Amino acid sequence: MRVASLLLLAAVVITPLAQITMRGVFNLPMAGAEEMTRYFMIALAFLAASYVTQQGGQIRMEEFQIFLPPRPRWVLQLMVELAGVVVFGIFFVASLVTISRNMNSVTPVMEMPFWLFMAPLTVGSLLLVLETGVTLAHTWHNRRPDEKHTVLT
């Protein structure tokens, strides 16, 4: 996932750069460059999110949790992780419903099938459900709060 995220980040940078170069230097604009960049940004955000969760990089307000006694901190961590599973599950189901209702649609400029355009949201939210569920199970199994620290990846 890390390599895929880095490749998508490179695509987010290179696509507009190529568009500017083609338009400015060669006077030949690339049709669909903006739409493709938007697709890469959406894919990057949703697919990299599960990696960030797995690495412990999601915002969890650990700075405030440290002031709580262990038992309430453990309950709060469980509630945060359960809320994550529910919210990401809603994203996943909503994306499936949206795709199923728009199977014959395409994007305006590149005419990309709508299901392909929405696939990063579907895959990313499913991965987030799984990763957050694993974190929830880990916290539940330990029966104590995790001693968290902020991770910058």
Protein backbone atom coordinates (compact mmCIF):
# COMPACT_ATOMS: atom_id res chain seq x y z
CA MET A 1 0.00 0.00 0.00
CA ARG A 2 2.89 2.32 0.74
CA VAL A 3 4.35 1.86 -2.75
CA ALA A 4 0.95 2.35 -4.38
CA SER A 5 0.45 5.52 -2.34
CA LEU A 6 3.83 6.87 -3.37
CA LEU A 7 3.07 6.13 -7.02
CA LEU A 8 -0.28 7.90 -6.75
CA LEU A 9 1.41 10.87 -5.09
CA ALA A 10 3.88 11.02 -7.97
CA ALA A 11 0.98 10.89 -10.43
CA VAL A 12 -0.73 13.78 -8.60
CA VAL A 13 2.43 15.86 -9.11
CA ILE A 14 3.45 14.71 -12.58
CA THR A 15 0.05 14.95 -14.31
CA PRO A 16 -0.46 18.72 -13.75
CA LEU A 17 3.23 19.32 -14.48
CA ALA A 18 2.86 17.50 -17.80
CA GLN A 19 -0.31 19.49 -18.55
CA ILE A 20 1.46 22.80 -17.86
CA THR A 21 4.47 21.77 -19.93
CA MET A 22 2.37 20.56 -22.87
CA ARG A 23 0.22 23.68 -22.84
CA GLY A 24 2.96 26.23 -22.13
CA VAL A 25 5.82 24.85 -24.18
CA PHE A 26 4.17 22.93 -27.01
CA ASN A 27 0.77 24.71 -27.07
CA LEU A 28 -0.93 21.29 -26.97
CA PRO A 29 -3.17 20.94 -23.88
CA MET A 30 -3.74 17.44 -22.54
CA ALA A 31 -7.44 16.65 -22.60
CA GLY A 32 -8.63 15.24 -19.30
CA ALA A 33 -5.54 16.08 -17.25
CA GLU A 34 -7.63 17.81 -14.57
CA GLU A 35 -10.02 14.88 -14.32
CA MET A 36 -7.15 12.41 -14.15
CA THR A 37 -5.42 14.44 -11.42
CA ARG A 38 -8.67 14.53 -9.43
CA TYR A 39 -8.95 10.75 -9.78
CA PHE A 40 -5.37 10.27 -8.57
CA MET A 41 -6.00 12.54 -5.55
CA ILE A 42 -9.16 10.65 -4.59
CA ALA A 43 -7.38 7.32 -4.98
CA LEU A 44 -4.41 8.56 -2.95
CA ALA A 45 -6.59 9.81 -0.10
CA PHE A 46 -8.72 6.69 0.25
CA LEU A 47 -6.13 4.02 -0.44
CA ALA A 48 -3.39 5.56 1.72
CA ALA A 49 -5.78 5.99 4.66
CA SER A 50 -5.66 2.31 5.59
CA TYR A 51 -1.86 2.40 5.61
CA VAL A 52 -1.94 5.47 7.84
CA THR A 53 -4.35 3.66 10.19
CA GLN A 54 -2.15 0.56 10.27
CA GLN A 55 0.87 2.71 11.13
CA GLY A 56 -1.00 4.47 13.97
CA GLY A 57 -1.03 7.82 12.23
CA GLN A 58 -4.74 8.64 12.42
CA ILE A 59 -5.70 11.53 14.68
CA ARG A 60 -6.87 10.12 18.02
CA MET A 61 -6.20 13.00 20.39
CA GLU A 62 -3.66 11.01 22.41
CA GLU A 63 -2.50 14.26 24.00
CA PHE A 64 -5.86 14.49 25.81
CA GLN A 65 -6.28 10.77 26.44
CA ILE A 66 -3.13 10.70 28.54
CA PHE A 67 -4.95 12.73 31.23
CA LEU A 68 -7.58 10.01 31.69
CA PRO A 69 -7.20 7.08 34.09
CA PRO A 70 -6.51 3.73 32.36
CA ARG A 71 -10.03 2.26 32.45
CA PRO A 72 -11.88 5.30 30.98
CA ARG A 73 -9.06 5.70 28.42
CA TRP A 74 -9.52 2.07 27.34
CA VAL A 75 -13.30 2.57 26.98
CA LEU A 76 -12.71 5.79 25.00
CA GLN A 77 -10.27 4.01 22.69
CA LEU A 78 -12.80 1.23 22.12
CA MET A 79 -15.52 3.78 21.33
CA VAL A 80 -13.28 5.68 18.90
CA GLU A 81 -12.32 2.49 17.07
CA LEU A 82 -15.91 1.22 17.01
CA ALA A 83 -17.06 4.58 15.63
CA GLY A 84 -14.38 4.27 12.94
CA VAL A 85 -15.60 0.82 11.91
CA VAL A 86 -19.21 2.11 11.72
CA VAL A 87 -18.37 5.28 9.76
CA PHE A 88 -16.06 3.53 7.31
CA GLY A 89 -18.65 0.78 6.93
CA ILE A 90 -21.24 3.41 6.02
CA PHE A 91 -18.81 4.84 3.42
CA PHE A 92 -18.32 1.35 1.98
CA VAL A 93 -22.04 0.56 1.73
CA ALA A 94 -22.83 4.04 0.35
CA SER A 95 -20.18 3.66 -2.33
CA LEU A 96 -21.57 0.26 -3.37
CA VAL A 97 -25.09 1.69 -3.58
CA THR A 98 -23.88 4.69 -5.58
CA ILE A 99 -21.95 2.49 -8.00
CA SER A 100 -24.89 0.12 -8.45
CA ARG A 101 -27.18 3.06 -9.29
CA ASN A 102 -24.76 4.53 -11.82
CA MET A 103 -23.39 1.49 -13.65
CA ASN A 104 -24.02 3.01 -17.07
CA SER A 105 -22.59 6.45 -16.25
CA VAL A 106 -19.21 7.77 -17.34
CA THR A 107 -17.11 10.76 -16.33
CA PRO A 108 -17.61 13.86 -18.50
CA VAL A 109 -14.23 14.40 -20.17
CA MET A 110 -12.40 11.08 -20.21
CA GLU A 111 -15.55 8.96 -20.30
CA MET A 112 -14.14 6.73 -17.55
CA PRO A 113 -16.76 4.25 -16.27
CA PHE A 114 -18.30 5.57 -13.06
CA TRP A 115 -17.63 2.33 -11.18
CA LEU A 116 -13.92 2.73 -11.92
CA PHE A 117 -13.98 6.35 -10.77
CA MET A 118 -15.63 5.31 -7.47
CA ALA A 119 -13.49 2.18 -6.95
CA PRO A 120 -10.87 3.91 -4.75
CA LEU A 121 -13.60 4.99 -2.31
CA THR A 122 -15.02 1.47 -2.18
CA VAL A 123 -11.68 -0.31 -1.80
CA GLY A 124 -10.28 2.33 0.57
CA SER A 125 -13.30 2.30 2.86
CA LEU A 126 -13.30 -1.51 2.96
CA LEU A 127 -9.61 -1.50 3.88
CA LEU A 128 -10.33 1.12 6.57
CA VAL A 129 -13.12 -1.05 8.00
CA LEU A 130 -10.76 -4.03 8.15
CA GLU A 131 -7.80 -2.11 9.58
CA THR A 132 -9.90 -0.28 12.17
CA GLY A 133 -11.60 -3.57 13.07
CA VAL A 134 -8.21 -5.18 13.66
CA THR A 135 -7.22 -2.25 15.88
CA LEU A 136 -10.52 -2.56 17.78
CA ALA A 137 -9.97 -6.30 18.29
CA HIS A 138 -6.42 -5.66 19.48
CA THR A 139 -7.55 -3.04 22.01
CA TRP A 140 -10.38 -5.30 23.23
CA HIS A 141 -8.08 -8.31 23.54
CA ASN A 142 -5.48 -6.38 25.60
CA ARG A 143 -8.13 -5.26 28.14
CA ARG A 144 -6.11 -2.10 28.75
CA PRO A 145 -5.55 1.14 26.86
CA ASP A 146 -2.75 1.37 24.36
CA GLU A 147 0.04 3.68 25.32
CA LYS A 148 -0.05 5.67 22.13
CA HIS A 149 2.41 8.11 20.76
CA THR A 150 2.11 10.27 17.70
CA VAL A 151 3.65 8.63 14.65
CA LEU A 152 4.80 10.69 11.70
CA THR A 153 5.29 8.53 8.62
